[in-house]
C-alpha atoms as a PDB file:
ATOM      1  CA  UNK A   1      11.318 -19.704  -3.905  1.00  0.00           C
ATOM      2  CA  UNK A   2      12.146 -16.769  -6.178  1.00  0.00           C
ATOM      3  CA  UNK A   3       9.300 -17.710  -8.517  1.00  0.00           C
ATOM      4  CA  UNK A   4       6.989 -17.848  -5.506  1.00  0.00           C
ATOM      5  CA  UNK A   5       5.440 -14.453  -4.707  1.00  0.00           C
ATOM      6  CA  UNK A   6       4.101 -14.052  -1.182  1.00  0.00           C
ATOM      7  CA  UNK A   7       0.669 -12.512  -1.365  1.00  0.00           C
ATOM      8  CA  UNK A   8       1.109 -11.088   2.134  1.00  0.00           C
ATOM      9  CA  UNK A   9       3.904  -8.824   0.931  1.00  0.00           C
ATOM     10  CA  UNK A  10       1.885  -7.697  -2.087  1.00  0.00           C
ATOM     11  CA  UNK A  11      -1.136  -6.968   0.064  1.00  0.00           C
ATOM     12  CA  UNK A  12       0.954  -5.166   2.656  1.00  0.00           C
ATOM     13  CA  UNK A  13       2.565  -2.970   0.012  1.00  0.00           C
ATOM     14  CA  UNK A  14      -0.792  -2.217  -1.597  1.00  0.00           C
ATOM     15  CA  UNK A  15      -2.409  -1.396   1.746  1.00  0.00           C
ATOM     16  CA  UNK A  16       0.512   0.885   2.656  1.00  0.00           C
ATOM     17  CA  UNK A  17       0.231   2.704  -0.679  1.00  0.00           C
ATOM     18  CA  UNK A  18      -3.515   3.106  -0.156  1.00  0.00           C
ATOM     19  CA  UNK A  19      -2.990   4.544   3.329  1.00  0.00           C
ATOM     20  CA  UNK A  20      -0.385   6.934   1.935  1.00  0.00           C
ATOM     21  CA  UNK A  21      -2.826   8.025  -0.770  1.00  0.00           C
ATOM     22  CA  UNK A  22      -5.559   8.584   1.814  1.00  0.00           C
ATOM     23  CA  UNK A  23      -3.185  10.587   4.003  1.00  0.00           C
ATOM     24  CA  UNK A  24      -2.179  12.658   0.990  1.00  0.00           C
ATOM     25  CA  UNK A  25      -5.803  13.282   0.082  1.00  0.00           C
ATOM     26  CA  UNK A  26      -6.576  14.304   3.661  1.00  0.00           C
ATOM     27  CA  UNK A  27      -3.625  16.693   3.731  1.00  0.00           C
ATOM     28  CA  UNK A  28      -4.725  18.178   0.402  1.00  0.00           C
ATOM     29  CA  UNK A  29      -8.277  18.616   1.653  1.00  0.00           C
ATOM     30  CA  UNK A  30      -7.141  20.276   4.849  1.00  0.00           C
END
């Protein structure tokens, strides 16, 4: 199972990072 990488986790982490980036950009723009 350790060699198996759940894509859901990867996608979730990537989506969270993207949302954080967007929030940061919005805050910077404001």
